[in-house]
Amino acid sequence: MSKTQGDTTMAVLRAIGENIPGAIMFALDREYRYIYFNPRHEGVMRAIWGADIRLGLSMLEVIKASADREKARVNFDRALAGEAFTVVEAYGDEALQRNYWENVYAPVRGEDGAAIGVFVQVKDVTTEKRNEALVAEHRAELERMVAARTAELEEKIALIQAISAPIIQVWDGVLVVPLVGTLDERRGERVTDDVLAAIQQFQTREVLLDITGMRSVDESAAHRLLQTISATRLLGAGCAVVGVSPEVARTLVGIDAPLSGVPTYGTLRDGLRAALRRMAFEVVRRGR
């Protein structure tokens, strides 16, 4: 590059660097020495490193923190190798001022096209980065709150499901399963699994499904009751439905629920009395 061209280039840089509002700019040669900087960059270097810079001074000598110095050298070498790129990184003495900077690197090329230096345009993005960090922190806190609330709700749901179908051994060989609320598919499967496990655990001979607390018994609920009854019988235990109100009875008849052949009783007392009679009959029959 001729002296005239170099002077023209410097004049252009000065015009840009000194007249564009907020512009922070500098240029280095291949030895990382200043060949240009505008007043705002000079002020930045004084603020974050406590240094007074001058043309011909190596910028790496000004950067006191070794990690920052190595980071800058790597970036300068990328630009000197011909790469143009942008990075956002933190620089500055912790004891003075450490900010986030958006640095736009570009190679300065000679007449033969080879990189003879590096030009850097800098923007202070500390506020944006801190706002991003605050947003990320708030988002993480919100996610933690949602996760905690979800876990709490799931725990409560599990507790409700557990206590809504407790299995009670009211007599040797007799279990009562009170059903409360609705009997959806998931809960129906849980009830069946729990009843089958209890039959094996307590060597149960009679199971009473108490539907007194169910809000409604539609066709799907009746089908799930029948599944539990069928599974119970496969393990050799008898099964009856108790707590059948007149309204539920009419509903079951109206939907033609496939519960014919299943013992049903209006109250738990009636169902328990019948279960004990069946057990006594079995004992007598086996004793003969």
C-alpha atoms as a PDB file:
ATOM      1  CA  MET A   1       0.000   0.000   0.000  1.00  0.00           C
ATOM      2  CA  SER A   2       1.461   3.361  -1.014  1.00  0.00           C
ATOM      3  CA  LYS A   3       1.889   6.209   1.451  1.00  0.00           C
ATOM      4  CA  THR A   4      -0.848   8.184  -0.291  1.00  0.00           C
ATOM      5  CA  GLN A   5      -3.235   5.240  -0.098  1.00  0.00           C
ATOM      6  CA  GLY A   6      -2.305   4.700   3.559  1.00  0.00           C
ATOM      7  CA  ASP A   7      -2.910   8.333   4.385  1.00  0.00           C
ATOM      8  CA  THR A   8      -6.260   8.201   2.623  1.00  0.00           C
ATOM      9  CA  THR A   9      -7.224   5.049   4.517  1.00  0.00           C
ATOM     10  CA  MET A  10      -6.338   6.628   7.860  1.00  0.00           C
ATOM     11  CA  ALA A  11      -8.292   9.747   6.946  1.00  0.00           C
ATOM     12  CA  VAL A  12     -11.345   7.629   6.158  1.00  0.00           C
ATOM     13  CA  LEU A  13     -10.982   5.718   9.416  1.00  0.00           C
ATOM     14  CA  ARG A  14     -10.712   8.941  11.390  1.00  0.00           C
ATOM     15  CA  ALA A  15     -13.752  10.380   9.649  1.00  0.00           C
ATOM     16  CA  ILE A  16     -15.756   7.279  10.449  1.00  0.00           C
ATOM     17  CA  GLY A  17     -14.441   6.707  13.959  1.00  0.00           C
ATOM     18  CA  GLU A  18     -14.764  10.288  15.108  1.00  0.00           C
ATOM     19  CA  ASN A  19     -18.109  11.208  13.587  1.00  0.00           C
ATOM     20  CA  ILE A  20     -20.342   8.122  13.855  1.00  0.00           C
ATOM     21  CA  PRO A  21     -22.164   8.388  17.200  1.00  0.00           C
ATOM     22  CA  GLY A  22     -21.022   5.740  19.672  1.00  0.00           C
ATOM     23  CA  ALA A  23     -18.473   4.191  17.308  1.00  0.00           C
ATOM     24  CA  ILE A  24     -15.558   2.425  19.016  1.00  0.00           C
ATOM     25  CA  MET A  25     -12.832   1.422  16.539  1.00  0.00           C
ATOM     26  CA  PHE A  26      -9.181   0.451  16.341  1.00  0.00           C
ATOM     27  CA  ALA A  27      -6.739  -1.179  13.926  1.00  0.00           C
ATOM     28  CA  LEU A  28      -3.580  -3.215  14.531  1.00  0.00           C
ATOM     29  CA  ASP A  29      -0.712  -4.396  12.383  1.00  0.00           C
ATOM     30  CA  ARG A  30       0.485  -7.994  12.231  1.00  0.00           C
ATOM     31  CA  GLU A  31       2.441  -7.507  15.462  1.00  0.00           C
ATOM     32  CA  TYR A  32      -0.777  -6.413  17.268  1.00  0.00           C
ATOM     33  CA  ARG A  33       0.518  -2.821  17.421  1.00  0.00           C
ATOM     34  CA  TYR A  34      -1.868   0.086  17.168  1.00  0.00           C
ATOM     35  CA  ILE A  35      -1.962   1.752  13.766  1.00  0.00           C
ATOM     36  CA  TYR A  36      -5.248   3.518  14.476  1.00  0.00           C
ATOM     37  CA  PHE A  37      -7.778   4.050  17.273  1.00  0.00           C
ATOM     38  CA  ASN A  38     -10.511   6.586  17.772  1.00  0.00           C
ATOM     39  CA  PRO A  39     -11.051   8.627  20.956  1.00  0.00           C
ATOM     40  CA  ARG A  40     -13.837   6.375  22.224  1.00  0.00           C
ATOM     41  CA  HIS A  41     -11.595   3.302  22.090  1.00  0.00           C
ATOM     42  CA  GLU A  42      -8.903   5.260  23.914  1.00  0.00           C
ATOM     43  CA  GLY A  43     -11.449   6.061  26.641  1.00  0.00           C
ATOM     44  CA  VAL A  44     -12.577   2.446  26.862  1.00  0.00           C
ATOM     45  CA  MET A  45      -9.029   1.150  27.326  1.00  0.00           C
ATOM     46  CA  ARG A  46      -8.448   3.678  30.094  1.00  0.00           C
ATOM     47  CA  ALA A  47     -11.728   2.698  31.797  1.00  0.00           C
ATOM     48  CA  ILE A  48     -11.357  -1.081  31.660  1.00  0.00           C
ATOM     49  CA  TRP A  49      -7.578  -1.483  31.917  1.00  0.00           C
ATOM     50  CA  GLY A  50      -6.426   1.801  33.417  1.00  0.00           C
ATOM     51  CA  ALA A  51      -4.039   2.235  30.460  1.00  0.00           C
ATOM     52  CA  ASP A  52      -3.107   5.149  28.231  1.00  0.00           C
ATOM     53  CA  ILE A  53      -2.593   3.805  24.721  1.00  0.00           C
ATOM     54  CA  ARG A  54      -0.558   5.235  21.816  1.00  0.00           C
ATOM     55  CA  LEU A  55       0.190   4.360  18.213  1.00  0.00           C
ATOM     56  CA  GLY A  56       2.831   1.655  17.932  1.00  0.00           C
ATOM     57  CA  LEU A  57       1.962   0.124  21.322  1.00  0.00           C
ATOM     58  CA  SER A  58       1.051  -3.586  21.294  1.00  0.00           C
ATOM     59  CA  MET A  59      -2.523  -3.963  22.446  1.00  0.00           C
ATOM     60  CA  LEU A  60      -1.636  -7.294  24.074  1.00  0.00           C
ATOM     61  CA  GLU A  61       0.662  -5.402  26.471  1.00  0.00           C
ATOM     62  CA  VAL A  62      -2.302  -3.342  27.624  1.00  0.00           C
ATOM     63  CA  ILE A  63      -4.556  -6.335  28.356  1.00  0.00           C
ATOM     64  CA  LYS A  64      -3.494  -7.312  31.869  1.00  0.00           C
ATOM     65  CA  ALA A  65      -5.616 -10.430  32.408  1.00  0.00           C
ATOM     66  CA  SER A  66      -3.867 -13.444  30.858  1.00  0.00           C
ATOM     67  CA  ALA A  67      -7.111 -15.166  29.862  1.00  0.00           C
ATOM     68  CA  ASP A  68      -8.376 -12.012  28.138  1.00  0.00           C
ATOM     69  CA  ARG A  69      -4.998 -11.476  26.488  1.00  0.00           C
ATOM     70  CA  GLU A  70      -4.971 -14.980  25.013  1.00  0.00           C
ATOM     71  CA  LYS A  71      -8.585 -14.644  23.911  1.00  0.00           C
ATOM     72  CA  ALA A  72      -7.795 -11.391  22.089  1.00  0.00           C
ATOM     73  CA  ARG A  73      -4.665 -12.845  20.460  1.00  0.00           C
ATOM     74  CA  VAL A  74      -6.658 -15.799  19.076  1.00  0.00           C
ATOM     75  CA  ASN A  75      -9.240 -13.426  17.611  1.00  0.00           C
ATOM     76  CA  PHE A  76      -6.599 -11.171  16.078  1.00  0.00           C
ATOM     77  CA  ASP A  77      -4.891 -14.194  14.484  1.00  0.00           C
ATOM     78  CA  ARG A  78      -8.200 -15.340  12.972  1.00  0.00           C
ATOM     79  CA  ALA A  79      -8.637 -11.956  11.315  1.00  0.00           C
ATOM     80  CA  LEU A  80      -4.978 -11.833  10.219  1.00  0.00           C
ATOM     81  CA  ALA A  81      -5.549 -15.229   8.589  1.00  0.00           C
ATOM     82  CA  GLY A  82      -8.208 -13.567   6.426  1.00  0.00           C
ATOM     83  CA  GLU A  83     -11.412 -14.298   8.382  1.00  0.00           C
ATOM     84  CA  ALA A  84     -14.103 -11.714   9.122  1.00  0.00           C
ATOM     85  CA  PHE A  85     -16.309 -12.555  12.115  1.00  0.00           C
ATOM     86  CA  THR A  86     -18.213 -11.218  15.100  1.00  0.00           C
ATOM     87  CA  VAL A  87     -17.996 -12.374  18.721  1.00  0.00           C
ATOM     88  CA  VAL A  88     -19.450 -11.205  22.034  1.00  0.00           C
ATOM     89  CA  GLU A  89     -17.035 -11.539  24.939  1.00  0.00           C
ATOM     90  CA  ALA A  90     -16.259 -10.004  28.318  1.00  0.00           C
ATOM     91  CA  TYR A  91     -13.106  -7.915  28.770  1.00  0.00           C
ATOM     92  CA  GLY A  92     -11.788  -5.674  31.496  1.00  0.00           C
ATOM     93  CA  ASP A  93     -10.105  -5.554  34.865  1.00  0.00           C
ATOM     94  CA  GLU A  94     -12.484  -6.825  37.556  1.00  0.00           C
ATOM     95  CA  ALA A  95     -11.173  -4.112  39.884  1.00  0.00           C
ATOM     96  CA  LEU A  96     -12.019  -1.384  37.372  1.00  0.00           C
ATOM     97  CA  GLN A  97     -14.744  -2.212  34.907  1.00  0.00           C
ATOM     98  CA  ARG A  98     -15.539  -5.453  33.129  1.00  0.00           C
ATOM     99  CA  ASN A  99     -18.100  -5.274  30.346  1.00  0.00           C
ATOM    100  CA  TYR A 100     -19.444  -7.374  27.514  1.00  0.00           C
ATOM    101  CA  TRP A 101     -18.339  -6.270  24.059  1.00  0.00           C
ATOM    102  CA  GLU A 102     -19.567  -7.152  20.600  1.00  0.00           C
ATOM    103  CA  ASN A 103     -16.402  -7.154  18.483  1.00  0.00           C
ATOM    104  CA  VAL A 104     -16.556  -7.175  14.683  1.00  0.00           C
ATOM    105  CA  TYR A 105     -13.196  -8.322  13.278  1.00  0.00           C
ATOM    106  CA  ALA A 106     -12.066  -7.789   9.678  1.00  0.00           C
ATOM    107  CA  PRO A 107      -8.681  -8.236   7.996  1.00  0.00           C
ATOM    108  CA  VAL A 108      -6.919  -5.185   6.573  1.00  0.00           C
ATOM    109  CA  ARG A 109      -5.472  -6.217   3.201  1.00  0.00           C
ATOM    110  CA  GLY A 110      -2.518  -4.858   1.249  1.00  0.00           C
ATOM    111  CA  GLU A 111      -2.272  -4.354  -2.495  1.00  0.00           C
ATOM    112  CA  ASP A 112      -1.512  -8.062  -3.006  1.00  0.00           C
ATOM    113  CA  GLY A 113      -4.618  -9.076  -1.059  1.00  0.00           C
ATOM    114  CA  ALA A 114      -2.692 -10.423   1.928  1.00  0.00           C
ATOM    115  CA  ALA A 115      -3.796  -9.401   5.410  1.00  0.00           C
ATOM    116  CA  ILE A 116      -1.451  -6.760   6.774  1.00  0.00           C
ATOM    117  CA  GLY A 117      -3.491  -5.903   9.837  1.00  0.00           C
ATOM    118  CA  VAL A 118      -6.825  -6.219  11.587  1.00  0.00           C
ATOM    119  CA  PHE A 119      -9.643  -3.713  11.987  1.00  0.00           C
ATOM    120  CA  VAL A 120     -12.065  -4.046  14.911  1.00  0.00           C
ATOM    121  CA  GLN A 121     -15.331  -2.271  15.534  1.00  0.00           C
ATOM    122  CA  VAL A 122     -16.552  -2.552  19.114  1.00  0.00           C
ATOM    123  CA  LYS A 123     -19.946  -2.122  20.755  1.00  0.00           C
ATOM    124  CA  ASP A 124     -20.674  -2.223  24.478  1.00  0.00           C
ATOM    125  CA  VAL A 125     -23.481  -4.782  24.928  1.00  0.00           C
ATOM    126  CA  THR A 126     -23.247  -5.119  28.704  1.00  0.00           C
ATOM    127  CA  THR A 127     -26.808  -3.937  29.296  1.00  0.00           C
ATOM    128  CA  GLU A 128     -28.196  -6.351  26.719  1.00  0.00           C
ATOM    129  CA  LYS A 129     -26.209  -9.267  28.146  1.00  0.00           C
ATOM    130  CA  ARG A 130     -27.291  -8.478  31.689  1.00  0.00           C
ATOM    131  CA  ASN A 131     -30.893  -8.210  30.565  1.00  0.00           C
ATOM    132  CA  GLU A 132     -30.544 -11.551  28.808  1.00  0.00           C
ATOM    133  CA  ALA A 133     -29.097 -13.016  31.986  1.00  0.00           C
ATOM    134  CA  LEU A 134     -31.998 -11.607  34.015  1.00  0.00           C
ATOM    135  CA  VAL A 135     -34.514 -13.003  31.533  1.00  0.00           C
ATOM    136  CA  ALA A 136     -32.767 -16.377  31.612  1.00  0.00           C
ATOM    137  CA  GLU A 137     -32.723 -16.289  35.407  1.00  0.00           C
ATOM    138  CA  HIS A 138     -36.419 -15.408  35.573  1.00  0.00           C
ATOM    139  CA  ARG A 139     -37.197 -18.102  33.016  1.00  0.00           C
ATOM    140  CA  ALA A 140     -35.217 -20.672  34.997  1.00  0.00           C
ATOM    141  CA  GLU A 141     -36.967 -19.606  38.196  1.00  0.00           C
ATOM    142  CA  LEU A 142     -40.339 -19.860  36.469  1.00  0.00           C
ATOM    143  CA  GLU A 143     -39.444 -23.313  35.188  1.00  0.00           C
ATOM    144  CA  ARG A 144     -38.389 -24.339  38.699  1.00  0.00           C
ATOM    145  CA  MET A 145     -41.686 -23.029  40.081  1.00  0.00           C
ATOM    146  CA  VAL A 146     -43.660 -24.824  37.374  1.00  0.00           C
ATOM    147  CA  ALA A 147     -41.709 -28.039  37.981  1.00  0.00           C
ATOM    148  CA  ALA A 148     -42.248 -27.777  41.732  1.00  0.00           C
ATOM    149  CA  ARG A 149     -45.929 -27.021  41.292  1.00  0.00           C
ATOM    150  CA  THR A 150     -46.312 -29.857  38.801  1.00  0.00           C
ATOM    151  CA  ALA A 151     -44.591 -32.275  41.176  1.00  0.00           C
ATOM    152  CA  GLU A 152     -46.840 -31.078  43.987  1.00  0.00           C
ATOM    153  CA  LEU A 153     -49.946 -31.560  41.862  1.00  0.00           C
ATOM    154  CA  GLU A 154     -48.804 -34.978  40.700  1.00  0.00           C
ATOM    155  CA  GLU A 155     -48.160 -35.950  44.314  1.00  0.00           C
ATOM    156  CA  LYS A 156     -51.619 -34.764  45.295  1.00  0.00           C
ATOM    157  CA  ILE A 157     -53.217 -36.564  42.356  1.00  0.00           C
ATOM    158  CA  ALA A 158     -51.387 -39.751  43.279  1.00  0.00           C
ATOM    159  CA  LEU A 159     -52.516 -39.331  46.888  1.00  0.00           C
ATOM    160  CA  ILE A 160     -56.113 -38.707  45.824  1.00  0.00           C
ATOM    161  CA  GLN A 161     -56.013 -41.724  43.549  1.00  0.00           C
ATOM    162  CA  ALA A 162     -54.535 -43.817  46.323  1.00  0.00           C
ATOM    163  CA  ILE A 163     -57.038 -42.772  48.965  1.00  0.00           C
ATOM    164  CA  SER A 164     -59.982 -42.738  46.560  1.00  0.00           C
ATOM    165  CA  ALA A 165     -59.708 -46.495  46.158  1.00  0.00           C
ATOM    166  CA  PRO A 166     -58.330 -47.846  49.440  1.00  0.00           C
ATOM    167  CA  ILE A 167     -58.474 -51.565  49.885  1.00  0.00           C
ATOM    168  CA  ILE A 168     -59.756 -52.532  53.325  1.00  0.00           C
ATOM    169  CA  GLN A 169     -59.679 -56.010  54.802  1.00  0.00           C
ATOM    170  CA  VAL A 170     -62.901 -56.019  56.844  1.00  0.00           C
ATOM    171  CA  TRP A 171     -62.812 -59.732  57.618  1.00  0.00           C
ATOM    172  CA  ASP A 172     -60.473 -62.628  57.090  1.00  0.00           C
ATOM    173  CA  GLY A 173     -60.777 -63.309  53.376  1.00  0.00           C
ATOM    174  CA  VAL A 174     -63.058 -60.296  52.686  1.00  0.00           C
ATOM    175  CA  LEU A 175     -61.899 -57.040  51.050  1.00  0.00           C
ATOM    176  CA  VAL A 176     -63.877 -53.840  50.525  1.00  0.00           C
ATOM    177  CA  VAL A 177     -62.812 -51.417  47.787  1.00  0.00           C
ATOM    178  CA  PRO A 178     -64.556 -48.014  48.142  1.00  0.00           C
ATOM    179  CA  LEU A 179     -64.632 -46.189  44.787  1.00  0.00           C
ATOM    180  CA  VAL A 180     -65.011 -42.394  44.897  1.00  0.00           C
ATOM    181  CA  GLY A 181     -65.445 -39.896  42.065  1.00  0.00           C
ATOM    182  CA  THR A 182     -65.119 -41.188  38.529  1.00  0.00           C
ATOM    183  CA  LEU A 183     -63.614 -44.379  37.160  1.00  0.00           C
ATOM    184  CA  ASP A 184     -61.618 -43.449  34.083  1.00  0.00           C
ATOM    185  CA  GLU A 185     -59.377 -45.802  32.136  1.00  0.00           C
ATOM    186  CA  ARG A 186     -56.180 -45.052  34.032  1.00  0.00           C
ATOM    187  CA  ARG A 187     -57.812 -45.290  37.429  1.00  0.00           C
ATOM    188  CA  GLY A 188     -59.731 -48.422  36.421  1.00  0.00           C
ATOM    189  CA  GLU A 189     -56.453 -50.155  35.544  1.00  0.00           C
ATOM    190  CA  ARG A 190     -54.941 -49.054  38.860  1.00  0.00           C
ATOM    191  CA  VAL A 191     -57.910 -50.361  40.827  1.00  0.00           C
ATOM    192  CA  THR A 192     -57.733 -53.711  39.047  1.00  0.00           C
ATOM    193  CA  ASP A 193     -53.986 -54.036  39.655  1.00  0.00           C
ATOM    194  CA  ASP A 194     -54.331 -53.101  43.323  1.00  0.00           C
ATOM    195  CA  VAL A 195     -57.245 -55.491  43.890  1.00  0.00           C
ATOM    196  CA  LEU A 196     -55.415 -58.414  42.279  1.00  0.00           C
ATOM    197  CA  ALA A 197     -52.309 -57.702  44.375  1.00  0.00           C
ATOM    198  CA  ALA A 198     -54.420 -57.534  47.561  1.00  0.00           C
ATOM    199  CA  ILE A 199     -56.168 -60.817  46.730  1.00  0.00           C
ATOM    200  CA  GLN A 200     -52.836 -62.580  46.595  1.00  0.00           C
ATOM    201  CA  GLN A 201     -51.497 -60.785  49.682  1.00  0.00           C
ATOM    202  CA  PHE A 202     -54.492 -61.481  51.941  1.00  0.00           C
ATOM    203  CA  GLN A 203     -55.631 -64.776  50.366  1.00  0.00           C
ATOM    204  CA  THR A 204     -58.954 -63.117  49.675  1.00  0.00           C
ATOM    205  CA  ARG A 205     -62.103 -65.078  48.907  1.00  0.00           C
ATOM    206  CA  GLU A 206     -64.616 -62.216  48.582  1.00  0.00           C
ATOM    207  CA  VAL A 207     -64.235 -58.698  47.138  1.00  0.00           C
ATOM    208  CA  LEU A 208     -66.869 -55.989  47.528  1.00  0.00           C
ATOM    209  CA  LEU A 209     -66.642 -53.040  45.114  1.00  0.00           C
ATOM    210  CA  ASP A 210     -68.397 -50.169  46.905  1.00  0.00           C
ATOM    211  CA  ILE A 211     -69.640 -47.587  44.376  1.00  0.00           C
ATOM    212  CA  THR A 212     -71.559 -45.480  46.896  1.00  0.00           C
ATOM    213  CA  GLY A 213     -69.173 -42.550  46.388  1.00  0.00           C
ATOM    214  CA  MET A 214     -69.036 -42.625  42.588  1.00  0.00           C
ATOM    215  CA  ARG A 215     -70.531 -39.549  40.930  1.00  0.00           C
ATOM    216  CA  SER A 216     -71.952 -41.521  38.048  1.00  0.00           C
ATOM    217  CA  VAL A 217     -71.782 -44.944  36.495  1.00  0.00           C
ATOM    218  CA  ASP A 218     -71.934 -44.792  32.712  1.00  0.00           C
ATOM    219  CA  GLU A 219     -71.295 -47.505  30.171  1.00  0.00           C
ATOM    220  CA  SER A 220     -67.504 -47.071  30.206  1.00  0.00           C
ATOM    221  CA  ALA A 221     -67.379 -47.140  34.030  1.00  0.00           C
ATOM    222  CA  ALA A 222     -69.564 -50.241  34.055  1.00  0.00           C
ATOM    223  CA  HIS A 223     -67.207 -51.867  31.563  1.00  0.00           C
ATOM    224  CA  ARG A 224     -64.203 -51.137  33.812  1.00  0.00           C
ATOM    225  CA  LEU A 225     -66.045 -52.532  36.828  1.00  0.00           C
ATOM    226  CA  LEU A 226     -66.704 -55.683  34.821  1.00  0.00           C
ATOM    227  CA  GLN A 227     -63.012 -55.942  33.916  1.00  0.00           C
ATOM    228  CA  THR A 228     -62.057 -55.792  37.601  1.00  0.00           C
ATOM    229  CA  ILE A 229     -64.742 -58.385  38.456  1.00  0.00           C
ATOM    230  CA  SER A 230     -63.585 -60.748  35.702  1.00  0.00           C
ATOM    231  CA  ALA A 231     -59.944 -60.448  36.773  1.00  0.00           C
ATOM    232  CA  THR A 232     -60.917 -61.075  40.406  1.00  0.00           C
ATOM    233  CA  ARG A 233     -62.804 -64.225  39.491  1.00  0.00           C
ATOM    234  CA  LEU A 234     -59.846 -65.514  37.515  1.00  0.00           C
ATOM    235  CA  LEU A 235     -57.912 -65.560  40.795  1.00  0.00           C
ATOM    236  CA  GLY A 236     -60.676 -67.614  42.414  1.00  0.00           C
ATOM    237  CA  ALA A 237     -62.291 -64.871  44.489  1.00  0.00           C
ATOM    238  CA  GLY A 238     -65.926 -63.882  44.426  1.00  0.00           C
ATOM    239  CA  CYS A 239     -66.826 -60.288  43.598  1.00  0.00           C
ATOM    240  CA  ALA A 240     -69.931 -58.184  44.173  1.00  0.00           C
ATOM    241  CA  VAL A 241     -70.939 -54.547  43.663  1.00  0.00           C
ATOM    242  CA  VAL A 242     -72.415 -52.724  46.662  1.00  0.00           C
ATOM    243  CA  GLY A 243     -73.820 -49.255  47.173  1.00  0.00           C
ATOM    244  CA  VAL A 244     -76.094 -49.488  44.134  1.00  0.00           C
ATOM    245  CA  SER A 245     -78.644 -46.683  44.458  1.00  0.00           C
ATOM    246  CA  PRO A 246     -81.971 -46.669  42.604  1.00  0.00           C
ATOM    247  CA  GLU A 247     -80.602 -43.978  40.258  1.00  0.00           C
ATOM    248  CA  VAL A 248     -77.514 -46.058  39.453  1.00  0.00           C
ATOM    249  CA  ALA A 249     -79.689 -49.144  38.986  1.00  0.00           C
ATOM    250  CA  ARG A 250     -81.869 -47.288  36.487  1.00  0.00           C
ATOM    251  CA  THR A 251     -78.778 -46.023  34.677  1.00  0.00           C
ATOM    252  CA  LEU A 252     -77.308 -49.524  34.430  1.00  0.00           C
ATOM    253  CA  VAL A 253     -80.570 -50.864  33.076  1.00  0.00           C
ATOM    254  CA  GLY A 254     -80.906 -47.972  30.660  1.00  0.00           C
ATOM    255  CA  ILE A 255     -77.461 -48.518  29.138  1.00  0.00           C
ATOM    256  CA  ASP A 256     -77.878 -52.288  29.197  1.00  0.00           C
ATOM    257  CA  ALA A 257     -74.690 -52.607  31.270  1.00  0.00           C
ATOM    258  CA  PRO A 258     -73.227 -56.117  31.034  1.00  0.00           C
ATOM    259  CA  LEU A 259     -73.432 -56.708  34.799  1.00  0.00           C
ATOM    260  CA  SER A 260     -76.032 -59.451  34.728  1.00  0.00           C
ATOM    261  CA  GLY A 261     -74.864 -62.347  36.838  1.00  0.00           C
ATOM    262  CA  VAL A 262     -72.844 -60.024  39.075  1.00  0.00           C
ATOM    263  CA  PRO A 263     -74.181 -59.863  42.651  1.00  0.00           C
ATOM    264  CA  THR A 264     -75.265 -56.321  43.505  1.00  0.00           C
ATOM    265  CA  TYR A 265     -76.424 -54.899  46.826  1.00  0.00           C
ATOM    266  CA  GLY A 266     -77.861 -51.600  47.926  1.00  0.00           C
ATOM    267  CA  THR A 267     -75.669 -51.256  50.980  1.00  0.00           C
ATOM    268  CA  LEU A 268     -72.272 -52.401  52.171  1.00  0.00           C
ATOM    269  CA  ARG A 269     -73.920 -54.180  55.092  1.00  0.00           C
ATOM    270  CA  ASP A 270     -76.039 -56.288  52.748  1.00  0.00           C
ATOM    271  CA  GLY A 271     -73.038 -57.111  50.600  1.00  0.00           C
ATOM    272  CA  LEU A 272     -70.886 -58.046  53.601  1.00  0.00           C
ATOM    273  CA  ARG A 273     -73.645 -60.244  55.071  1.00  0.00           C
ATOM    274  CA  ALA A 274     -74.010 -62.076  51.759  1.00  0.00           C
ATOM    275  CA  ALA A 275     -70.224 -62.509  51.410  1.00  0.00           C
ATOM    276  CA  LEU A 276     -69.968 -64.030  54.891  1.00  0.00           C
ATOM    277  CA  ARG A 277     -72.842 -66.372  54.142  1.00  0.00           C
ATOM    278  CA  ARG A 278     -71.115 -67.539  50.975  1.00  0.00           C
ATOM    279  CA  MET A 279     -67.895 -68.099  52.893  1.00  0.00           C
ATOM    280  CA  ALA A 280     -69.714 -70.038  55.625  1.00  0.00           C
ATOM    281  CA  PHE A 281     -71.403 -72.158  52.976  1.00  0.00           C
ATOM    282  CA  GLU A 282     -68.046 -72.895  51.392  1.00  0.00           C
ATOM    283  CA  VAL A 283     -66.635 -73.920  54.785  1.00  0.00           C
ATOM    284  CA  VAL A 284     -69.590 -76.209  55.464  1.00  0.00           C
ATOM    285  CA  ARG A 285     -69.449 -77.715  51.980  1.00  0.00           C
ATOM    286  CA  ARG A 286     -65.737 -78.397  52.238  1.00  0.00           C
ATOM    287  CA  GLY A 287     -66.163 -79.907  55.709  1.00  0.00           C
ATOM    288  CA  ARG A 288     -68.513 -82.601  54.472  1.00  0.00           C
END
